[in-house]
Amino acid sequence: PALPAVWRPRTTRTVAYLTAGVIML
């Protein structure tokens, strides 16, 4: 891959941020 390359999970981020938003709300 071309540099810089960034790898991060998609589902984990989506679930974590949605859950955080629901809990805060």
mmCIF file of all heavy atoms, coordinates in Angstrom:
data_MODEL
# 
_entry.id   MODEL 
# 
loop_
_atom_site.group_PDB 
_atom_site.id 
_atom_site.type_symbol 
_atom_site.label_atom_id 
_atom_site.label_alt_id 
_atom_site.label_comp_id 
_atom_site.label_asym_id 
_atom_site.label_entity_id 
_atom_site.label_seq_id 
_atom_site.pdbx_PDB_ins_code 
_atom_site.Cartn_x 
_atom_site.Cartn_y 
_atom_site.Cartn_z 
_atom_site.occupancy 
_atom_site.B_iso_or_equiv 
_atom_site.pdbx_formal_charge 
_atom_site.auth_seq_id 
_atom_site.auth_comp_id 
_atom_site.auth_asym_id 
_atom_site.auth_atom_id 
_atom_site.pdbx_PDB_model_num 
ATOM 1   N N   . PRO A 1 1  ? 0.825   -1.214 0.000  1.00 0.00 ? 1  PRO A N   1 
ATOM 2   C CA  . PRO A 1 1  ? 0.000   0.000  0.000  1.00 0.00 ? 1  PRO A CA  1 
ATOM 3   C C   . PRO A 1 1  ? 0.855   1.259  0.000  1.00 0.00 ? 1  PRO A C   1 
ATOM 4   O O   . PRO A 1 1  ? 1.994   1.254  0.446  1.00 0.00 ? 1  PRO A O   1 
ATOM 5   C CB  . PRO A 1 1  ? -0.808  -0.123 1.296  1.00 0.00 ? 1  PRO A CB  1 
ATOM 6   C CG  . PRO A 1 1  ? -0.013  -1.017 2.175  1.00 0.00 ? 1  PRO A CG  1 
ATOM 7   C CD  . PRO A 1 1  ? 0.740   -1.946 1.262  1.00 0.00 ? 1  PRO A CD  1 
ATOM 8   N N   . ALA A 1 2  ? 0.287   2.323  -0.522 1.00 0.00 ? 2  ALA A N   1 
ATOM 9   C CA  . ALA A 1 2  ? 0.966   3.620  -0.512 1.00 0.00 ? 2  ALA A CA  1 
ATOM 10  C C   . ALA A 1 2  ? 1.042   4.124  0.929  1.00 0.00 ? 2  ALA A C   1 
ATOM 11  O O   . ALA A 1 2  ? 0.154   3.882  1.737  1.00 0.00 ? 2  ALA A O   1 
ATOM 12  C CB  . ALA A 1 2  ? 0.196   4.607  -1.377 1.00 0.00 ? 2  ALA A CB  1 
ATOM 13  N N   . LEU A 1 3  ? 2.120   4.818  1.206  1.00 0.00 ? 3  LEU A N   1 
ATOM 14  C CA  . LEU A 1 3  ? 2.288   5.367  2.551  1.00 0.00 ? 3  LEU A CA  1 
ATOM 15  C C   . LEU A 1 3  ? 1.969   6.849  2.522  1.00 0.00 ? 3  LEU A C   1 
ATOM 16  O O   . LEU A 1 3  ? 2.252   7.522  1.534  1.00 0.00 ? 3  LEU A O   1 
ATOM 17  C CB  . LEU A 1 3  ? 3.725   5.135  3.027  1.00 0.00 ? 3  LEU A CB  1 
ATOM 18  C CG  . LEU A 1 3  ? 4.076   3.680  3.246  1.00 0.00 ? 3  LEU A CG  1 
ATOM 19  C CD1 . LEU A 1 3  ? 5.524   3.564  3.701  1.00 0.00 ? 3  LEU A CD1 1 
ATOM 20  C CD2 . LEU A 1 3  ? 3.167   3.023  4.251  1.00 0.00 ? 3  LEU A CD2 1 
ATOM 21  N N   . PRO A 1 4  ? 1.429   7.424  3.558  1.00 0.00 ? 4  PRO A N   1 
ATOM 22  C CA  . PRO A 1 4  ? 1.008   6.761  4.790  1.00 0.00 ? 4  PRO A CA  1 
ATOM 23  C C   . PRO A 1 4  ? -0.256  5.929  4.589  1.00 0.00 ? 4  PRO A C   1 
ATOM 24  O O   . PRO A 1 4  ? -1.108  6.262  3.775  1.00 0.00 ? 4  PRO A O   1 
ATOM 25  C CB  . PRO A 1 4  ? 0.749   7.914  5.757  1.00 0.00 ? 4  PRO A CB  1 
ATOM 26  C CG  . PRO A 1 4  ? 0.439   9.078  4.877  1.00 0.00 ? 4  PRO A CG  1 
ATOM 27  C CD  . PRO A 1 4  ? 1.183   8.867  3.581  1.00 0.00 ? 4  PRO A CD  1 
ATOM 28  N N   . ALA A 1 5  ? -0.336  4.843  5.353  1.00 0.00 ? 5  ALA A N   1 
ATOM 29  C CA  . ALA A 1 5  ? -1.502  3.962  5.319  1.00 0.00 ? 5  ALA A CA  1 
ATOM 30  C C   . ALA A 1 5  ? -2.089  3.898  6.724  1.00 0.00 ? 5  ALA A C   1 
ATOM 31  O O   . ALA A 1 5  ? -1.354  3.863  7.710  1.00 0.00 ? 5  ALA A O   1 
ATOM 32  C CB  . ALA A 1 5  ? -1.094  2.565  4.864  1.00 0.00 ? 5  ALA A CB  1 
ATOM 33  N N   . VAL A 1 6  ? -3.408  3.917  6.798  1.00 0.00 ? 6  VAL A N   1 
ATOM 34  C CA  . VAL A 1 6  ? -4.097  3.859  8.095  1.00 0.00 ? 6  VAL A CA  1 
ATOM 35  C C   . VAL A 1 6  ? -5.092  2.714  8.053  1.00 0.00 ? 6  VAL A C   1 
ATOM 36  O O   . VAL A 1 6  ? -5.890  2.612  7.130  1.00 0.00 ? 6  VAL A O   1 
ATOM 37  C CB  . VAL A 1 6  ? -4.837  5.184  8.399  1.00 0.00 ? 6  VAL A CB  1 
ATOM 38  C CG1 . VAL A 1 6  ? -5.566  5.091  9.738  1.00 0.00 ? 6  VAL A CG1 1 
ATOM 39  C CG2 . VAL A 1 6  ? -3.877  6.352  8.386  1.00 0.00 ? 6  VAL A CG2 1 
ATOM 40  N N   . TRP A 1 7  ? -5.019  1.851  9.073  1.00 0.00 ? 7  TRP A N   1 
ATOM 41  C CA  . TRP A 1 7  ? -5.977  0.757  9.203  1.00 0.00 ? 7  TRP A CA  1 
ATOM 42  C C   . TRP A 1 7  ? -6.741  0.953  10.507 1.00 0.00 ? 7  TRP A C   1 
ATOM 43  O O   . TRP A 1 7  ? -6.155  1.169  11.557 1.00 0.00 ? 7  TRP A O   1 
ATOM 44  C CB  . TRP A 1 7  ? -5.256  -0.584 9.215  1.00 0.00 ? 7  TRP A CB  1 
ATOM 45  C CG  . TRP A 1 7  ? -4.457  -0.817 7.982  1.00 0.00 ? 7  TRP A CG  1 
ATOM 46  C CD1 . TRP A 1 7  ? -4.935  -1.118 6.739  1.00 0.00 ? 7  TRP A CD1 1 
ATOM 47  C CD2 . TRP A 1 7  ? -3.036  -0.751 7.849  1.00 0.00 ? 7  TRP A CD2 1 
ATOM 48  N NE1 . TRP A 1 7  ? -3.898  -1.242 5.854  1.00 0.00 ? 7  TRP A NE1 1 
ATOM 49  C CE2 . TRP A 1 7  ? -2.720  -1.019 6.504  1.00 0.00 ? 7  TRP A CE2 1 
ATOM 50  C CE3 . TRP A 1 7  ? -1.993  -0.483 8.737  1.00 0.00 ? 7  TRP A CE3 1 
ATOM 51  C CZ2 . TRP A 1 7  ? -1.415  -1.051 6.031  1.00 0.00 ? 7  TRP A CZ2 1 
ATOM 52  C CZ3 . TRP A 1 7  ? -0.701  -0.509 8.265  1.00 0.00 ? 7  TRP A CZ3 1 
ATOM 53  C CH2 . TRP A 1 7  ? -0.424  -0.787 6.920  1.00 0.00 ? 7  TRP A CH2 1 
ATOM 54  N N   . ARG A 1 8  ? -8.057  0.882  10.394 1.00 0.00 ? 8  ARG A N   1 
ATOM 55  C CA  . ARG A 1 8  ? -8.895  1.020  11.585 1.00 0.00 ? 8  ARG A CA  1 
ATOM 56  C C   . ARG A 1 8  ? -10.175 0.239  11.343 1.00 0.00 ? 8  ARG A C   1 
ATOM 57  O O   . ARG A 1 8  ? -10.634 0.105  10.216 1.00 0.00 ? 8  ARG A O   1 
ATOM 58  C CB  . ARG A 1 8  ? -9.187  2.470  11.910 1.00 0.00 ? 8  ARG A CB  1 
ATOM 59  C CG  . ARG A 1 8  ? -9.822  3.232  10.792 1.00 0.00 ? 8  ARG A CG  1 
ATOM 60  C CD  . ARG A 1 8  ? -10.136 4.686  11.086 1.00 0.00 ? 8  ARG A CD  1 
ATOM 61  N NE  . ARG A 1 8  ? -9.520  5.222  12.240 1.00 0.00 ? 8  ARG A NE  1 
ATOM 62  C CZ  . ARG A 1 8  ? -9.119  6.465  12.382 1.00 0.00 ? 8  ARG A CZ  1 
ATOM 63  N NH1 . ARG A 1 8  ? -9.303  7.316  11.402 1.00 0.00 ? 8  ARG A NH1 1 
ATOM 64  N NH2 . ARG A 1 8  ? -8.588  6.892  13.479 1.00 0.00 ? 8  ARG A NH2 1 
ATOM 65  N N   . PRO A 1 9  ? -10.768 -0.283 12.411 1.00 0.00 ? 9  PRO A N   1 
ATOM 66  C CA  . PRO A 1 9  ? -12.019 -1.038 12.255 1.00 0.00 ? 9  PRO A CA  1 
ATOM 67  C C   . PRO A 1 9  ? -13.186 -0.110 11.940 1.00 0.00 ? 9  PRO A C   1 
ATOM 68  O O   . PRO A 1 9  ? -13.228 1.028  12.414 1.00 0.00 ? 9  PRO A O   1 
ATOM 69  C CB  . PRO A 1 9  ? -12.204 -1.718 13.608 1.00 0.00 ? 9  PRO A CB  1 
ATOM 70  C CG  . PRO A 1 9  ? -11.414 -0.909 14.565 1.00 0.00 ? 9  PRO A CG  1 
ATOM 71  C CD  . PRO A 1 9  ? -10.297 -0.274 13.792 1.00 0.00 ? 9  PRO A CD  1 
ATOM 72  N N   . ARG A 1 10 ? -14.113 -0.588 11.153 1.00 0.00 ? 10 ARG A N   1 
ATOM 73  C CA  . ARG A 1 10 ? -15.292 0.223  10.814 1.00 0.00 ? 10 ARG A CA  1 
ATOM 74  C C   . ARG A 1 10 ? -16.440 -0.042 11.776 1.00 0.00 ? 10 ARG A C   1 
ATOM 75  O O   . ARG A 1 10 ? -17.015 0.877  12.331 1.00 0.00 ? 10 ARG A O   1 
ATOM 76  C CB  . ARG A 1 10 ? -15.738 -0.081 9.383  1.00 0.00 ? 10 ARG A CB  1 
ATOM 77  C CG  . ARG A 1 10 ? -14.764 0.404  8.353  1.00 0.00 ? 10 ARG A CG  1 
ATOM 78  C CD  . ARG A 1 10 ? -15.265 0.105  6.957  1.00 0.00 ? 10 ARG A CD  1 
ATOM 79  N NE  . ARG A 1 10 ? -14.249 0.507  5.994  1.00 0.00 ? 10 ARG A NE  1 
ATOM 80  C CZ  . ARG A 1 10 ? -14.041 -0.104 4.852  1.00 0.00 ? 10 ARG A CZ  1 
ATOM 81  N NH1 . ARG A 1 10 ? -14.771 -1.132 4.501  1.00 0.00 ? 10 ARG A NH1 1 
ATOM 82  N NH2 . ARG A 1 10 ? -13.097 0.327  4.041  1.00 0.00 ? 10 ARG A NH2 1 
ATOM 83  N N   . THR A 1 11 ? -16.790 -1.302 11.939 1.00 0.00 ? 11 THR A N   1 
ATOM 84  C CA  . THR A 1 11 ? -17.938 -1.655 12.771 1.00 0.00 ? 11 THR A CA  1 
ATOM 85  C C   . THR A 1 11 ? -17.738 -1.227 14.219 1.00 0.00 ? 11 THR A C   1 
ATOM 86  O O   . THR A 1 11 ? -18.646 -0.680 14.841 1.00 0.00 ? 11 THR A O   1 
ATOM 87  C CB  . THR A 1 11 ? -18.205 -3.169 12.696 1.00 0.00 ? 11 THR A CB  1 
ATOM 88  O OG1 . THR A 1 11 ? -18.336 -3.544 11.324 1.00 0.00 ? 11 THR A OG1 1 
ATOM 89  C CG2 . THR A 1 11 ? -19.449 -3.547 13.458 1.00 0.00 ? 11 THR A CG2 1 
ATOM 90  N N   . THR A 1 12 ? -16.557 -1.471 14.750 1.00 0.00 ? 12 THR A N   1 
ATOM 91  C CA  . THR A 1 12 ? -16.273 -1.107 16.140 1.00 0.00 ? 12 THR A CA  1 
ATOM 92  C C   . THR A 1 12 ? -16.478 0.380  16.364 1.00 0.00 ? 12 THR A C   1 
ATOM 93  O O   . THR A 1 12 ? -17.095 0.798  17.343 1.00 0.00 ? 12 THR A O   1 
ATOM 94  C CB  . THR A 1 12 ? -14.829 -1.492 16.510 1.00 0.00 ? 12 THR A CB  1 
ATOM 95  O OG1 . THR A 1 12 ? -14.665 -2.884 16.315 1.00 0.00 ? 12 THR A OG1 1 
ATOM 96  C CG2 . THR A 1 12 ? -14.514 -1.125 17.951 1.00 0.00 ? 12 THR A CG2 1 
ATOM 97  N N   . ARG A 1 13 ? -15.960 1.185  15.452 1.00 0.00 ? 13 ARG A N   1 
ATOM 98  C CA  . ARG A 1 13 ? -16.109 2.642  15.593 1.00 0.00 ? 13 ARG A CA  1 
ATOM 99  C C   . ARG A 1 13 ? -17.570 3.048  15.540 1.00 0.00 ? 13 ARG A C   1 
ATOM 100 O O   . ARG A 1 13 ? -18.044 3.845  16.347 1.00 0.00 ? 13 ARG A O   1 
ATOM 101 C CB  . ARG A 1 13 ? -15.341 3.353  14.482 1.00 0.00 ? 13 ARG A CB  1 
ATOM 102 C CG  . ARG A 1 13 ? -13.849 3.156  14.607 1.00 0.00 ? 13 ARG A CG  1 
ATOM 103 C CD  . ARG A 1 13 ? -13.148 3.924  13.567 1.00 0.00 ? 13 ARG A CD  1 
ATOM 104 N NE  . ARG A 1 13 ? -13.445 5.324  13.901 1.00 0.00 ? 13 ARG A NE  1 
ATOM 105 C CZ  . ARG A 1 13 ? -13.073 6.345  13.178 1.00 0.00 ? 13 ARG A CZ  1 
ATOM 106 N NH1 . ARG A 1 13 ? -12.426 6.163  12.080 1.00 0.00 ? 13 ARG A NH1 1 
ATOM 107 N NH2 . ARG A 1 13 ? -13.366 7.563  13.544 1.00 0.00 ? 13 ARG A NH2 1 
ATOM 108 N N   . THR A 1 14 ? -18.294 2.509  14.562 1.00 0.00 ? 14 THR A N   1 
ATOM 109 C CA  . THR A 1 14 ? -19.706 2.863  14.405 1.00 0.00 ? 14 THR A CA  1 
ATOM 110 C C   . THR A 1 14 ? -20.502 2.493  15.653 1.00 0.00 ? 14 THR A C   1 
ATOM 111 O O   . THR A 1 14 ? -21.252 3.304  16.196 1.00 0.00 ? 14 THR A O   1 
ATOM 112 C CB  . THR A 1 14 ? -20.298 2.153  13.169 1.00 0.00 ? 14 THR A CB  1 
ATOM 113 O OG1 . THR A 1 14 ? -19.540 2.541  12.021 1.00 0.00 ? 14 THR A OG1 1 
ATOM 114 C CG2 . THR A 1 14 ? -21.750 2.515  12.965 1.00 0.00 ? 14 THR A CG2 1 
ATOM 115 N N   . VAL A 1 15 ? -20.330 1.256  16.107 1.00 0.00 ? 15 VAL A N   1 
ATOM 116 C CA  . VAL A 1 15 ? -21.072 0.786  17.286 1.00 0.00 ? 15 VAL A CA  1 
ATOM 117 C C   . VAL A 1 15 ? -20.689 1.592  18.526 1.00 0.00 ? 15 VAL A C   1 
ATOM 118 O O   . VAL A 1 15 ? -21.559 1.998  19.303 1.00 0.00 ? 15 VAL A O   1 
ATOM 119 C CB  . VAL A 1 15 ? -20.844 -0.722 17.506 1.00 0.00 ? 15 VAL A CB  1 
ATOM 120 C CG1 . VAL A 1 15 ? -21.372 -1.178 18.851 1.00 0.00 ? 15 VAL A CG1 1 
ATOM 121 C CG2 . VAL A 1 15 ? -21.476 -1.525 16.377 1.00 0.00 ? 15 VAL A CG2 1 
ATOM 122 N N   . ALA A 1 16 ? -19.405 1.845  18.715 1.00 0.00 ? 16 ALA A N   1 
ATOM 123 C CA  . ALA A 1 16 ? -18.962 2.576  19.906 1.00 0.00 ? 16 ALA A CA  1 
ATOM 124 C C   . ALA A 1 16 ? -19.524 3.992  19.936 1.00 0.00 ? 16 ALA A C   1 
ATOM 125 O O   . ALA A 1 16 ? -20.048 4.446  20.961 1.00 0.00 ? 16 ALA A O   1 
ATOM 126 C CB  . ALA A 1 16 ? -17.439 2.605  19.968 1.00 0.00 ? 16 ALA A CB  1 
ATOM 127 N N   . TYR A 1 17 ? -19.440 4.703  18.818 1.00 0.00 ? 17 TYR A N   1 
ATOM 128 C CA  . TYR A 1 17 ? -19.925 6.084  18.807 1.00 0.00 ? 17 TYR A CA  1 
ATOM 129 C C   . TYR A 1 17 ? -21.446 6.165  18.872 1.00 0.00 ? 17 TYR A C   1 
ATOM 130 O O   . TYR A 1 17 ? -21.990 7.048  19.539 1.00 0.00 ? 17 TYR A O   1 
ATOM 131 C CB  . TYR A 1 17 ? -19.370 6.858  17.613 1.00 0.00 ? 17 TYR A CB  1 
ATOM 132 C CG  . TYR A 1 17 ? -17.912 7.224  17.785 1.00 0.00 ? 17 TYR A CG  1 
ATOM 133 C CD1 . TYR A 1 17 ? -16.978 6.937  16.799 1.00 0.00 ? 17 TYR A CD1 1 
ATOM 134 C CD2 . TYR A 1 17 ? -17.461 7.851  18.942 1.00 0.00 ? 17 TYR A CD2 1 
ATOM 135 C CE1 . TYR A 1 17 ? -15.639 7.283  16.967 1.00 0.00 ? 17 TYR A CE1 1 
ATOM 136 C CE2 . TYR A 1 17 ? -16.132 8.187  19.117 1.00 0.00 ? 17 TYR A CE2 1 
ATOM 137 C CZ  . TYR A 1 17 ? -15.225 7.900  18.122 1.00 0.00 ? 17 TYR A CZ  1 
ATOM 138 O OH  . TYR A 1 17 ? -13.908 8.241  18.296 1.00 0.00 ? 17 TYR A OH  1 
ATOM 139 N N   . LEU A 1 18 ? -22.140 5.262  18.210 1.00 0.00 ? 18 LEU A N   1 
ATOM 140 C CA  . LEU A 1 18 ? -23.609 5.247  18.319 1.00 0.00 ? 18 LEU A CA  1 
ATOM 141 C C   . LEU A 1 18 ? -24.040 4.927  19.746 1.00 0.00 ? 18 LEU A C   1 
ATOM 142 O O   . LEU A 1 18 ? -24.953 5.566  20.290 1.00 0.00 ? 18 LEU A O   1 
ATOM 143 C CB  . LEU A 1 18 ? -24.218 4.241  17.345 1.00 0.00 ? 18 LEU A CB  1 
ATOM 144 C CG  . LEU A 1 18 ? -24.297 4.695  15.891 1.00 0.00 ? 18 LEU A CG  1 
ATOM 145 C CD1 . LEU A 1 18 ? -24.790 3.555  14.998 1.00 0.00 ? 18 LEU A CD1 1 
ATOM 146 C CD2 . LEU A 1 18 ? -25.200 5.903  15.751 1.00 0.00 ? 18 LEU A CD2 1 
ATOM 147 N N   . THR A 1 19 ? -23.387 3.941  20.353 1.00 0.00 ? 19 THR A N   1 
ATOM 148 C CA  . THR A 1 19 ? -23.718 3.585  21.740 1.00 0.00 ? 19 THR A CA  1 
ATOM 149 C C   . THR A 1 19 ? -23.442 4.747  22.681 1.00 0.00 ? 19 THR A C   1 
ATOM 150 O O   . THR A 1 19 ? -24.244 5.051  23.564 1.00 0.00 ? 19 THR A O   1 
ATOM 151 C CB  . THR A 1 19 ? -22.925 2.337  22.169 1.00 0.00 ? 19 THR A CB  1 
ATOM 152 O OG1 . THR A 1 19 ? -23.216 1.263  21.266 1.00 0.00 ? 19 THR A OG1 1 
ATOM 153 C CG2 . THR A 1 19 ? -23.268 1.922  23.586 1.00 0.00 ? 19 THR A CG2 1 
ATOM 154 N N   . ALA A 1 20 ? -22.301 5.402  22.492 1.00 0.00 ? 20 ALA A N   1 
ATOM 155 C CA  . ALA A 1 20 ? -21.963 6.555  23.340 1.00 0.00 ? 20 ALA A CA  1 
ATOM 156 C C   . ALA A 1 20 ? -23.012 7.653  23.189 1.00 0.00 ? 20 ALA A C   1 
ATOM 157 O O   . ALA A 1 20 ? -23.439 8.258  24.184 1.00 0.00 ? 20 ALA A O   1 
ATOM 158 C CB  . ALA A 1 20 ? -20.584 7.090  22.981 1.00 0.00 ? 20 ALA A CB  1 
ATOM 159 N N   . GLY A 1 21 ? -23.437 7.912  21.967 1.00 0.00 ? 21 GLY A N   1 
ATOM 160 C CA  . GLY A 1 21 ? -24.461 8.938  21.736 1.00 0.00 ? 21 GLY A CA  1 
ATOM 161 C C   . GLY A 1 21 ? -25.784 8.591  22.385 1.00 0.00 ? 21 GLY A C   1 
ATOM 162 O O   . GLY A 1 21 ? -26.420 9.445  23.015 1.00 0.00 ? 21 GLY A O   1 
ATOM 163 N N   . VAL A 1 22 ? -26.201 7.330  22.255 1.00 0.00 ? 22 VAL A N   1 
ATOM 164 C CA  . VAL A 1 22 ? -27.468 6.896  22.859 1.00 0.00 ? 22 VAL A CA  1 
ATOM 165 C C   . VAL A 1 22 ? -27.394 6.987  24.378 1.00 0.00 ? 22 VAL A C   1 
ATOM 166 O O   . VAL A 1 22 ? -28.336 7.467  25.031 1.00 0.00 ? 22 VAL A O   1 
ATOM 167 C CB  . VAL A 1 22 ? -27.828 5.466  22.402 1.00 0.00 ? 22 VAL A CB  1 
ATOM 168 C CG1 . VAL A 1 22 ? -28.946 4.876  23.240 1.00 0.00 ? 22 VAL A CG1 1 
ATOM 169 C CG2 . VAL A 1 22 ? -28.191 5.454  20.925 1.00 0.00 ? 22 VAL A CG2 1 
ATOM 170 N N   . ILE A 1 23 ? -26.275 6.553  24.951 1.00 0.00 ? 23 ILE A N   1 
ATOM 171 C CA  . ILE A 1 23 ? -26.125 6.611  26.412 1.00 0.00 ? 23 ILE A CA  1 
ATOM 172 C C   . ILE A 1 23 ? -26.141 8.058  26.897 1.00 0.00 ? 23 ILE A C   1 
ATOM 173 O O   . ILE A 1 23 ? -26.833 8.401  27.862 1.00 0.00 ? 23 ILE A O   1 
ATOM 174 C CB  . ILE A 1 23 ? -24.840 5.886  26.858 1.00 0.00 ? 23 ILE A CB  1 
ATOM 175 C CG1 . ILE A 1 23 ? -25.027 4.372  26.699 1.00 0.00 ? 23 ILE A CG1 1 
ATOM 176 C CG2 . ILE A 1 23 ? -24.459 6.243  28.292 1.00 0.00 ? 23 ILE A CG2 1 
ATOM 177 C CD1 . ILE A 1 23 ? -23.775 3.561  26.912 1.00 0.00 ? 23 ILE A CD1 1 
ATOM 178 N N   . MET A 1 24 ? -25.386 8.932  26.224 1.00 0.00 ? 24 MET A N   1 
ATOM 179 C CA  . MET A 1 24 ? -25.368 10.341 26.641 1.00 0.00 ? 24 MET A CA  1 
ATOM 180 C C   . MET A 1 24 ? -26.745 10.974 26.511 1.00 0.00 ? 24 MET A C   1 
ATOM 181 O O   . MET A 1 24 ? -27.216 11.643 27.433 1.00 0.00 ? 24 MET A O   1 
ATOM 182 C CB  . MET A 1 24 ? -24.345 11.134 25.812 1.00 0.00 ? 24 MET A CB  1 
ATOM 183 C CG  . MET A 1 24 ? -22.927 10.980 26.267 1.00 0.00 ? 24 MET A CG  1 
ATOM 184 S SD  . MET A 1 24 ? -22.648 11.408 27.997 1.00 0.00 ? 24 MET A SD  1 
ATOM 185 C CE  . MET A 1 24 ? -23.134 13.116 28.033 1.00 0.00 ? 24 MET A CE  1 
ATOM 186 N N   . LEU A 1 25 ? -27.395 10.762 25.365 1.00 0.00 ? 25 LEU A N   1 
ATOM 187 C CA  . LEU A 1 25 ? -28.731 11.324 25.165 1.00 0.00 ? 25 LEU A CA  1 
ATOM 188 C C   . LEU A 1 25 ? -29.707 10.794 26.210 1.00 0.00 ? 25 LEU A C   1 
ATOM 189 O O   . LEU A 1 25 ? -30.466 11.561 26.816 1.00 0.00 ? 25 LEU A O   1 
ATOM 190 C CB  . LEU A 1 25 ? -29.233 11.010 23.754 1.00 0.00 ? 25 LEU A CB  1 
ATOM 191 C CG  . LEU A 1 25 ? -30.598 11.582 23.388 1.00 0.00 ? 25 LEU A CG  1 
ATOM 192 C CD1 . LEU A 1 25 ? -30.557 13.104 23.453 1.00 0.00 ? 25 LEU A CD1 1 
ATOM 193 C CD2 . LEU A 1 25 ? -31.007 11.115 22.003 1.00 0.00 ? 25 LEU A CD2 1 
# 
